[in-house]
N, C-alpha and C. Protein backbone atom coordinates (compact mmCIF):
# COMPACT_ATOMS: atom_id res chain seq x y z
N UNK A 1 19.86 2.59 -23.26
CA UNK A 1 20.32 2.42 -21.56
C UNK A 1 20.25 0.58 -22.55
N UNK A 2 21.91 0.10 -21.92
CA UNK A 2 21.61 -0.92 -22.16
C UNK A 2 20.97 -2.59 -21.90
N UNK A 3 21.12 -3.09 -22.38
CA UNK A 3 20.13 -4.24 -22.33
C UNK A 3 19.75 -5.04 -20.38
N UNK A 4 18.95 -4.80 -20.17
CA UNK A 4 18.42 -5.55 -18.73
C UNK A 4 19.27 -6.33 -18.30
N UNK A 5 20.18 -7.86 -19.38
CA UNK A 5 20.74 -8.27 -18.38
C UNK A 5 22.30 -7.82 -18.49
N UNK A 6 22.10 -6.40 -18.78
CA UNK A 6 23.65 -5.77 -19.26
C UNK A 6 24.32 -5.59 -17.65
N UNK A 7 22.93 -4.46 -17.71
CA UNK A 7 22.29 -3.44 -16.72
C UNK A 7 22.82 -4.64 -14.86
N UNK A 8 21.95 -5.76 -15.22
CA UNK A 8 22.22 -5.91 -14.23
C UNK A 8 22.98 -6.76 -13.39
N UNK A 9 24.20 -7.49 -15.36
CA UNK A 9 25.69 -7.29 -14.17
C UNK A 9 25.99 -6.86 -14.25
N UNK A 10 26.00 -5.52 -14.29
CA UNK A 10 27.27 -4.63 -14.24
C UNK A 10 26.80 -4.20 -12.57
N UNK A 11 25.60 -4.19 -12.51
CA UNK A 11 25.55 -3.95 -11.06
C UNK A 11 25.81 -5.18 -9.92
N UNK A 12 25.39 -6.07 -10.25
CA UNK A 12 26.33 -7.79 -9.22
C UNK A 12 26.92 -7.41 -8.46
N UNK A 13 27.88 -6.64 -7.81
CA UNK A 13 28.64 -6.59 -7.09
C UNK A 13 27.57 -5.56 -5.60
N UNK A 14 27.01 -5.01 -6.29
CA UNK A 14 25.98 -4.28 -4.89
C UNK A 14 24.99 -4.60 -5.04
N UNK A 15 24.49 -5.98 -5.82
CA UNK A 15 23.35 -6.19 -5.38
C UNK A 15 23.52 -7.08 -3.91
N UNK A 16 24.34 -8.31 -4.55
CA UNK A 16 25.26 -8.88 -3.41
C UNK A 16 26.18 -8.17 -2.20
N UNK A 17 25.15 -7.07 -2.18
CA UNK A 17 26.29 -6.67 -0.82
C UNK A 17 24.69 -6.65 0.25
N UNK A 18 23.36 -6.63 -0.46
CA UNK A 18 21.90 -6.68 -0.02
C UNK A 18 21.75 -7.35 1.26
N UNK A 19 21.46 -7.46 2.38
CA UNK A 19 20.88 -8.65 3.31
C UNK A 19 20.13 -9.35 2.90
N UNK A 20 18.93 -8.19 2.63
CA UNK A 20 17.62 -8.67 1.29
C UNK A 20 17.45 -9.45 0.78
N UNK A 21 16.20 -10.35 0.13
CA UNK A 21 16.05 -10.93 -1.07
C UNK A 21 16.49 -9.68 -2.16
N UNK A 22 16.59 -9.49 -3.02
CA UNK A 22 16.70 -8.39 -4.51
C UNK A 22 17.02 -9.65 -5.53
N UNK A 23 15.88 -9.13 -6.29
CA UNK A 23 16.77 -9.69 -7.60
C UNK A 23 15.32 -8.23 -8.92
N UNK A 24 15.91 -8.92 -10.11
CA UNK A 24 16.34 -7.62 -11.36
C UNK A 24 15.15 -8.63 -12.07
N UNK A 25 13.88 -8.03 -12.36
CA UNK A 25 13.21 -9.10 -13.52
C UNK A 25 12.77 -8.25 -15.00
N UNK A 26 12.48 -9.41 -15.67
CA UNK A 26 11.97 -8.44 -16.96
C UNK A 26 10.50 -8.05 -17.21
N UNK A 27 9.65 -7.52 -17.70
CA UNK A 27 8.82 -6.83 -17.79
C UNK A 27 7.66 -7.37 -17.01
N UNK A 28 7.04 -8.74 -17.11
CA UNK A 28 6.40 -9.76 -16.88
C UNK A 28 6.94 -10.66 -15.20
N UNK A 29 8.14 -10.73 -14.96
CA UNK A 29 8.32 -10.84 -13.42
C UNK A 29 9.37 -12.18 -13.68
N UNK A 30 9.77 -12.03 -15.56
CA UNK A 30 11.09 -13.42 -15.56
C UNK A 30 12.03 -12.96 -14.64
N UNK A 31 13.21 -13.47 -13.93
CA UNK A 31 14.15 -13.21 -12.98
C UNK A 31 15.45 -13.28 -14.34
N UNK A 32 15.63 -11.79 -13.57
CA UNK A 32 17.16 -11.87 -15.01
C UNK A 32 18.51 -11.53 -13.94
N UNK A 33 18.84 -12.09 -13.13
CA UNK A 33 19.85 -11.81 -11.78
C UNK A 33 18.76 -11.70 -10.47
N UNK A 34 19.70 -12.41 -9.46
CA UNK A 34 18.94 -12.72 -8.15
C UNK A 34 20.20 -13.28 -7.46
N UNK A 35 20.34 -12.07 -6.93
CA UNK A 35 21.36 -11.69 -5.13
C UNK A 35 21.59 -13.58 -4.72
N UNK A 36 22.11 -13.73 -3.76
CA UNK A 36 22.42 -14.92 -3.27
C UNK A 36 21.15 -15.23 -2.02
N UNK A 37 21.17 -13.93 -1.41
CA UNK A 37 20.10 -13.98 -0.11
C UNK A 37 18.14 -14.54 -1.10
N UNK A 38 18.17 -14.36 -2.05
CA UNK A 38 16.94 -14.04 -2.84
C UNK A 38 16.81 -15.46 -3.49
N UNK A 39 17.68 -15.44 -3.92
CA UNK A 39 18.15 -17.66 -4.64
C UNK A 39 17.61 -18.77 -3.65
N UNK A 40 18.26 -18.43 -2.06
CA UNK A 40 17.58 -18.95 -1.33
C UNK A 40 16.49 -19.01 -1.14
N UNK A 41 16.31 -17.76 -1.02
CA UNK A 41 14.52 -18.49 -0.41
C UNK A 41 13.75 -18.15 -1.23
N UNK A 42 14.03 -18.13 -2.20
CA UNK A 42 13.55 -18.88 -3.55
C UNK A 42 13.48 -20.67 -3.74
N UNK A 43 14.79 -20.88 -3.62
CA UNK A 43 15.15 -22.22 -3.86
C UNK A 43 15.96 -22.41 -5.04
N UNK A 44 16.79 -21.50 -5.64
CA UNK A 44 16.44 -21.09 -6.98
C UNK A 44 17.71 -22.07 -6.96
N UNK A 45 18.45 -22.11 -8.57
CA UNK A 45 19.35 -22.79 -8.54
C UNK A 45 20.16 -21.42 -8.77
N UNK A 46 21.53 -21.15 -9.31
CA UNK A 46 22.08 -20.53 -10.15
C UNK A 46 21.81 -20.44 -11.60
N UNK A 47 21.93 -22.05 -11.98
CA UNK A 47 22.04 -22.28 -13.59
C UNK A 47 20.51 -22.49 -14.55
N UNK A 48 19.33 -21.94 -13.28
CA UNK A 48 18.21 -21.75 -14.02
C UNK A 48 18.08 -19.90 -14.17
N UNK A 49 19.42 -19.29 -14.26
CA UNK A 49 18.55 -17.52 -14.09
C UNK A 49 19.15 -17.78 -15.97
N UNK A 50 19.91 -19.15 -16.10
CA UNK A 50 20.38 -19.58 -17.60
C UNK A 50 19.63 -19.41 -18.86
N UNK A 51 18.30 -20.20 -17.93
CA UNK A 51 17.27 -20.35 -18.96
C UNK A 51 16.30 -19.38 -19.97
N UNK A 52 16.11 -20.47 -21.08
CA UNK A 52 15.11 -18.86 -22.08
C UNK A 52 14.18 -19.19 -22.03
N UNK A 53 12.87 -19.26 -21.63
CA UNK A 53 12.70 -17.26 -20.68
C UNK A 53 13.28 -17.70 -19.21
N UNK A 54 13.37 -16.52 -18.97
CA UNK A 54 14.00 -17.00 -17.32
C UNK A 54 12.69 -17.23 -16.57
N UNK A 55 13.30 -18.11 -15.34
CA UNK A 55 12.35 -18.20 -14.98
C UNK A 55 11.02 -17.40 -13.82
N UNK A 56 10.10 -17.42 -14.13
CA UNK A 56 9.09 -16.52 -13.21
C UNK A 56 9.46 -16.07 -11.94
N UNK A 57 9.43 -15.49 -11.30
CA UNK A 57 8.94 -14.81 -9.40
C UNK A 57 7.73 -15.69 -9.25
N UNK A 58 6.50 -15.83 -10.35
CA UNK A 58 5.52 -16.68 -10.16
C UNK A 58 5.61 -17.53 -9.79
N UNK A 59 6.34 -18.29 -10.67
CA UNK A 59 7.16 -20.04 -10.08
C UNK A 59 7.22 -20.03 -8.86
N UNK A 60 7.31 -19.29 -7.99
CA UNK A 60 8.16 -19.48 -6.91
C UNK A 60 7.40 -19.15 -5.87
N UNK A 61 6.44 -18.12 -5.77
CA UNK A 61 6.12 -17.78 -4.64
C UNK A 61 4.54 -17.72 -5.51
N UNK A 62 3.45 -17.60 -4.68
CA UNK A 62 2.01 -17.44 -5.26
C UNK A 62 1.73 -16.06 -4.15
N UNK A 63 1.06 -14.96 -4.83
CA UNK A 63 1.10 -13.60 -4.20
C UNK A 63 -0.67 -13.32 -3.98
N UNK A 64 -1.15 -14.13 -2.29
CA UNK A 64 -2.30 -14.08 -2.06
C UNK A 64 -3.05 -12.12 -2.02
N UNK A 65 -1.59 -11.68 -1.35
CA UNK A 65 -1.85 -10.18 -0.72
C UNK A 65 -2.08 -9.33 -1.42
N UNK A 66 -2.05 -9.51 -3.08
CA UNK A 66 -1.80 -8.84 -3.54
C UNK A 66 -2.88 -8.82 -4.95
N UNK A 67 -3.59 -7.65 -5.33
CA UNK A 67 -4.78 -7.45 -6.02
C UNK A 67 -4.23 -8.08 -7.17
N UNK A 68 -5.56 -9.02 -7.82
CA UNK A 68 -4.90 -10.24 -9.09
C UNK A 68 -4.05 -10.98 -8.39
N UNK A 69 -2.95 -11.09 -7.39
CA UNK A 69 -2.16 -11.52 -7.33
C UNK A 69 -1.06 -12.16 -8.19
N UNK A 70 -1.14 -10.73 -9.08
CA UNK A 70 0.04 -10.35 -9.74
C UNK A 70 0.77 -9.28 -8.95
N UNK A 71 2.17 -9.18 -8.63
CA UNK A 71 2.48 -7.56 -7.99
C UNK A 71 3.42 -7.13 -9.53
N UNK A 72 3.42 -7.81 -10.44
CA UNK A 72 3.98 -7.36 -11.56
C UNK A 72 2.94 -6.24 -12.47
N UNK A 73 2.15 -6.43 -12.06
CA UNK A 73 0.55 -5.55 -12.90
C UNK A 73 -0.11 -4.92 -12.22
N UNK A 74 -0.72 -5.91 -10.94
CA UNK A 74 -1.05 -4.34 -9.98
C UNK A 74 -0.78 -2.65 -9.73
N UNK A 75 -0.93 -2.02 -10.15
CA UNK A 75 -0.91 -0.10 -9.89
C UNK A 75 0.49 0.17 -10.87
N UNK A 76 0.75 -0.65 -11.45
CA UNK A 76 2.27 -1.02 -11.69
C UNK A 76 2.08 1.10 -12.74
N UNK A 77 0.91 0.96 -13.37
CA UNK A 77 1.20 0.63 -14.82
C UNK A 77 0.96 2.61 -14.69
N UNK A 78 -0.06 2.77 -13.13
CA UNK A 78 0.15 3.70 -12.24
C UNK A 78 1.28 4.63 -11.76
N UNK A 79 2.04 3.62 -11.09
CA UNK A 79 3.09 4.18 -9.67
C UNK A 79 4.45 3.78 -10.45
N UNK A 80 5.88 4.23 -10.66
CA UNK A 80 6.70 3.59 -10.27
C UNK A 80 6.87 2.76 -9.67
N UNK A 81 6.62 2.61 -7.84
CA UNK A 81 7.03 1.45 -7.40
C UNK A 81 5.45 1.04 -6.58
N UNK A 82 5.90 0.16 -5.70
CA UNK A 82 4.55 -0.28 -4.99
C UNK A 82 5.22 -0.89 -3.98
N UNK A 83 4.66 -0.73 -2.71
CA UNK A 83 4.51 -1.80 -1.48
C UNK A 83 3.86 -2.44 -0.61
N UNK A 84 3.69 -3.79 -0.71
CA UNK A 84 2.99 -4.96 -0.53
C UNK A 84 3.83 -4.71 1.32
N UNK A 85 3.00 -4.58 2.48
CA UNK A 85 3.30 -4.55 3.98
C UNK A 85 2.89 -5.78 4.97
N UNK A 86 3.49 -6.84 5.34
CA UNK A 86 3.19 -8.06 5.07
C UNK A 86 1.67 -8.99 4.74
N UNK A 87 2.40 -9.22 3.08
CA UNK A 87 1.04 -9.58 2.34
C UNK A 87 1.78 -11.10 2.08
N UNK A 88 0.66 -11.86 2.83
CA UNK A 88 0.91 -13.45 2.78
C UNK A 88 1.09 -13.95 1.37
N UNK A 89 2.26 -14.83 0.96
CA UNK A 89 2.02 -15.27 0.03
C UNK A 89 3.20 -16.91 0.68
N UNK A 90 2.94 -17.99 -1.15
CA UNK A 90 3.02 -19.20 -0.38
C UNK A 90 4.61 -19.74 -1.18
N UNK A 91 5.64 -19.64 -0.34
CA UNK A 91 6.68 -20.36 -1.49
C UNK A 91 6.05 -22.35 -2.45
N UNK A 92 6.77 -21.62 -3.19
CA UNK A 92 6.93 -22.97 -3.83
C UNK A 92 6.29 -24.84 -3.23
N UNK A 93 7.57 -24.39 -2.22
CA UNK A 93 7.12 -26.10 -1.21
C UNK A 93 6.14 -25.81 -0.17
N UNK A 94 5.01 -24.62 -0.58
CA UNK A 94 3.81 -25.04 -0.02
C UNK A 94 3.83 -23.94 1.29
N UNK A 95 5.17 -23.92 2.11
CA UNK A 95 5.17 -23.25 2.94
C UNK A 95 4.96 -21.75 3.34
N UNK A 96 3.88 -20.85 4.09
CA UNK A 96 3.29 -20.00 3.56
C UNK A 96 4.34 -18.54 4.91
N UNK A 97 4.45 -17.74 3.79
CA UNK A 97 4.76 -16.84 4.07
C UNK A 97 4.23 -15.19 4.44
N UNK A 98 5.06 -14.43 5.22
CA UNK A 98 4.47 -12.60 4.82
C UNK A 98 5.36 -12.37 5.20
N UNK A 99 5.48 -11.04 3.67
CA UNK A 99 6.45 -10.68 3.22
C UNK A 99 6.59 -9.06 2.64
N UNK A 100 7.57 -8.18 3.10
CA UNK A 100 7.13 -6.71 2.93
C UNK A 100 7.57 -7.01 1.51
N UNK A 101 7.19 -6.51 0.32
CA UNK A 101 7.64 -7.01 -0.99
C UNK A 101 7.39 -5.14 -1.67
N UNK A 102 8.28 -4.89 -2.49
CA UNK A 102 9.01 -3.93 -2.84
C UNK A 102 9.05 -3.88 -3.96
N UNK A 103 8.06 -3.59 -5.13
CA UNK A 103 8.64 -3.26 -7.19
C UNK A 103 8.61 -1.96 -7.29
N UNK A 104 9.72 -2.14 -8.04
CA UNK A 104 10.04 -1.33 -8.47
C UNK A 104 10.69 -0.51 -9.83
N UNK A 105 10.24 0.35 -11.05
CA UNK A 105 10.33 -0.22 -12.37
C UNK A 105 11.98 0.95 -12.90
N UNK A 106 11.75 -0.68 -13.65
CA UNK A 106 13.08 0.04 -14.36
C UNK A 106 12.74 0.48 -15.71
N UNK A 107 12.98 1.72 -16.22
CA UNK A 107 12.34 2.52 -17.38
C UNK A 107 13.60 2.42 -18.10
N UNK A 108 13.13 3.08 -19.47
CA UNK A 108 14.84 2.86 -20.45
C UNK A 108 14.17 4.54 -20.83
N UNK A 109 15.51 5.33 -19.68
CA UNK A 109 15.64 6.54 -19.88
C UNK A 109 14.89 7.24 -21.04
N UNK A 110 15.01 7.10 -22.12
CA UNK A 110 15.32 7.84 -24.13
C UNK A 110 13.35 7.62 -23.99
N UNK A 111 13.23 6.57 -23.47
CA UNK A 111 11.37 5.68 -24.25
C UNK A 111 10.57 6.24 -22.88
N UNK A 112 10.95 6.09 -21.47
CA UNK A 112 10.43 5.87 -21.26
C UNK A 112 9.37 4.59 -20.84
N UNK A 113 10.01 3.73 -21.61
CA UNK A 113 8.51 2.22 -21.68
C UNK A 113 9.28 1.64 -20.20
N UNK A 114 8.51 0.49 -19.87
CA UNK A 114 9.06 -0.12 -18.11
C UNK A 114 10.20 -1.48 -19.56
N UNK A 115 11.24 -1.86 -18.74
CA UNK A 115 12.23 -2.30 -19.11
C UNK A 115 12.07 -3.52 -17.99
N UNK A 116 12.18 -3.33 -16.95
CA UNK A 116 11.83 -4.92 -15.57
C UNK A 116 11.79 -3.78 -14.98
N UNK A 117 11.54 -4.75 -13.53
CA UNK A 117 11.83 -4.14 -12.33
C UNK A 117 12.53 -4.93 -11.36
N UNK A 118 12.67 -3.94 -10.14
CA UNK A 118 14.03 -4.27 -9.13
C UNK A 118 12.97 -4.97 -8.30
N UNK A 119 13.23 -5.98 -7.65
CA UNK A 119 12.37 -6.94 -7.07
C UNK A 119 13.14 -6.61 -5.50
N UNK A 120 12.70 -6.52 -4.11
CA UNK A 120 13.15 -6.37 -2.88
C UNK A 120 12.28 -7.20 -1.86
N UNK A 121 12.27 -8.62 -1.33
CA UNK A 121 11.99 -9.19 -0.87
C UNK A 121 11.99 -9.24 0.54
N UNK A 122 11.15 -9.36 1.49
CA UNK A 122 12.12 -9.28 3.27
C UNK A 122 11.06 -10.12 4.48
N UNK A 123 11.12 -10.86 4.47
CA UNK A 123 10.22 -12.12 5.46
C UNK A 123 9.53 -11.79 6.48
N UNK A 124 8.42 -11.31 6.56
CA UNK A 124 8.16 -10.48 8.00
C UNK A 124 7.50 -11.43 8.88
N UNK A 125 7.39 -12.71 8.51
CA UNK A 125 7.22 -14.17 9.44
C UNK A 125 6.88 -14.45 10.91
N UNK A 126 8.96 -14.39 10.79
CA UNK A 126 9.05 -14.21 12.33
C UNK A 126 8.85 -13.21 13.00
N UNK A 127 9.03 -11.75 12.98
CA UNK A 127 8.98 -10.87 13.42
C UNK A 127 6.82 -10.70 13.64
N UNK A 128 6.32 -11.06 12.91
CA UNK A 128 4.62 -10.99 13.44
C UNK A 128 4.75 -12.47 14.13
N UNK A 129 4.75 -13.90 14.48
CA UNK A 129 5.45 -13.82 15.24
C UNK A 129 5.85 -13.68 16.21
N UNK A 130 6.76 -12.54 16.73
CA UNK A 130 7.72 -12.54 17.15
C UNK A 130 6.44 -11.46 18.75
N UNK A 131 6.08 -10.56 17.02
CA UNK A 131 5.07 -9.70 18.08
C UNK A 131 3.72 -9.74 18.81
N UNK A 132 3.51 -11.28 18.51
CA UNK A 132 2.31 -11.79 18.64
C UNK A 132 2.21 -12.75 19.70
N UNK A 133 3.40 -13.44 20.21
CA UNK A 133 4.42 -13.59 21.20
C UNK A 133 4.37 -12.49 22.37
N UNK A 134 4.90 -11.59 22.35
CA UNK A 134 5.52 -10.53 23.20
C UNK A 134 3.33 -10.50 24.14
N UNK A 135 2.43 -9.48 22.49
CA UNK A 135 1.31 -8.61 22.94
C UNK A 135 1.20 -10.51 24.34
N UNK A 136 0.94 -11.42 24.11
CA UNK A 136 0.55 -12.52 24.69
C UNK A 136 0.95 -12.42 26.30
N UNK A 137 2.64 -11.86 26.13
CA UNK A 137 3.54 -12.24 27.00
C UNK A 137 2.86 -11.28 27.91
N UNK A 138 2.31 -10.21 27.91
CA UNK A 138 2.14 -9.15 28.22
C UNK A 138 1.35 -9.23 28.92
N UNK A 139 0.06 -10.05 27.91
CA UNK A 139 -1.39 -10.35 29.13
C UNK A 139 -1.85 -10.79 29.92
N UNK A 140 -0.65 -12.20 29.90
CA UNK A 140 0.20 -12.67 30.76
C UNK A 140 0.45 -12.13 32.31
N UNK A 141 1.01 -10.99 31.79
CA UNK A 141 2.13 -10.35 33.09
C UNK A 141 0.84 -9.34 33.84
N UNK A 142 -0.10 -8.80 33.17
CA UNK A 142 -0.76 -8.26 33.59
C UNK A 142 -1.77 -9.24 34.22
N UNK A 143 -2.14 -10.34 33.96
CA UNK A 143 -3.16 -10.86 34.79
C UNK A 143 -2.69 -11.39 35.82
N UNK A 144 -1.25 -12.24 36.19
CA UNK A 144 -0.33 -12.23 36.98
C UNK A 144 -0.67 -10.85 37.99
N UNK A 145 0.13 -10.29 37.62
CA UNK A 145 0.11 -8.90 38.82
C UNK A 145 -1.10 -8.20 39.42
N UNK A 146 -2.85 -8.65 38.62
CA UNK A 146 -4.09 -8.36 38.95
C UNK A 146 -4.17 -9.21 39.92
N UNK A 147 -3.55 -10.50 40.11
CA UNK A 147 -3.55 -11.21 40.88
C UNK A 147 -2.74 -11.42 42.32
N UNK A 148 -1.66 -11.20 41.55
CA UNK A 148 -1.13 -10.55 42.52
C UNK A 148 -1.19 -9.50 43.93
N UNK A 149 -1.65 -7.98 43.56
CA UNK A 149 -2.55 -7.43 43.96
C UNK A 149 -3.50 -8.13 44.24
N UNK A 150 -4.14 -8.57 44.35
CA UNK A 150 -5.57 -9.72 45.57
C UNK A 150 -5.05 -9.85 46.01
N UNK A 151 -3.95 -10.60 46.38
CA UNK A 151 -3.84 -11.48 47.12
C UNK A 151 -2.13 -10.82 48.20
N UNK A 152 -1.91 -9.63 47.96
CA UNK A 152 -1.63 -8.52 48.58
C UNK A 152 -2.84 -8.18 49.37
N UNK A 153 -4.12 -7.88 48.41
CA UNK A 153 -5.10 -7.25 49.24
C UNK A 153 -5.71 -8.21 50.49
N UNK A 154 -5.90 -8.76 50.58
CA UNK A 154 -5.93 -10.57 50.70
C UNK A 154 -5.31 -10.74 52.50
N UNK A 155 -3.93 -10.40 51.24
CA UNK A 155 -2.94 -10.57 53.35
C UNK A 155 -2.71 -9.06 53.65
N UNK A 156 -3.42 -8.02 53.64
CA UNK A 156 -3.42 -6.32 53.68
C UNK A 156 -4.44 -6.90 55.19
N UNK A 157 -5.42 -7.43 54.55
CA UNK A 157 -6.66 -6.08 55.39
C UNK A 157 -6.75 -8.09 56.78
């Protein structure tokens, strides 16, 4: 297998086509490559990716909804991929968000050792808030409909 940075570099056009925030990390979460959506989401500057060692994704996000707080260790030794739906996280800015977090292992085909991870993040905070507003509006409309029905009955009698 080519080195992880070379592998990621070869796939750059594909990564940049993703609308979701995606990145490739080393085995501990050091960011090797991040697409523009991930850089914007994390507030990561392109020049930071040339740092040695690379910046760790855990410097930019704290994961509250992941066992042990480390998505790169939790369950990845038994599985090739993990998924956390609507997991709470805190950005480096202090902003609290909800994320769909998918992490897949990148293994060396010859040795099967984990070389790194493919990380896909989707912020679901707005979707959760929108859904909550929808439910609240539905409850209000049901209450108003019941009130109208009661008034119709009063007027009809």
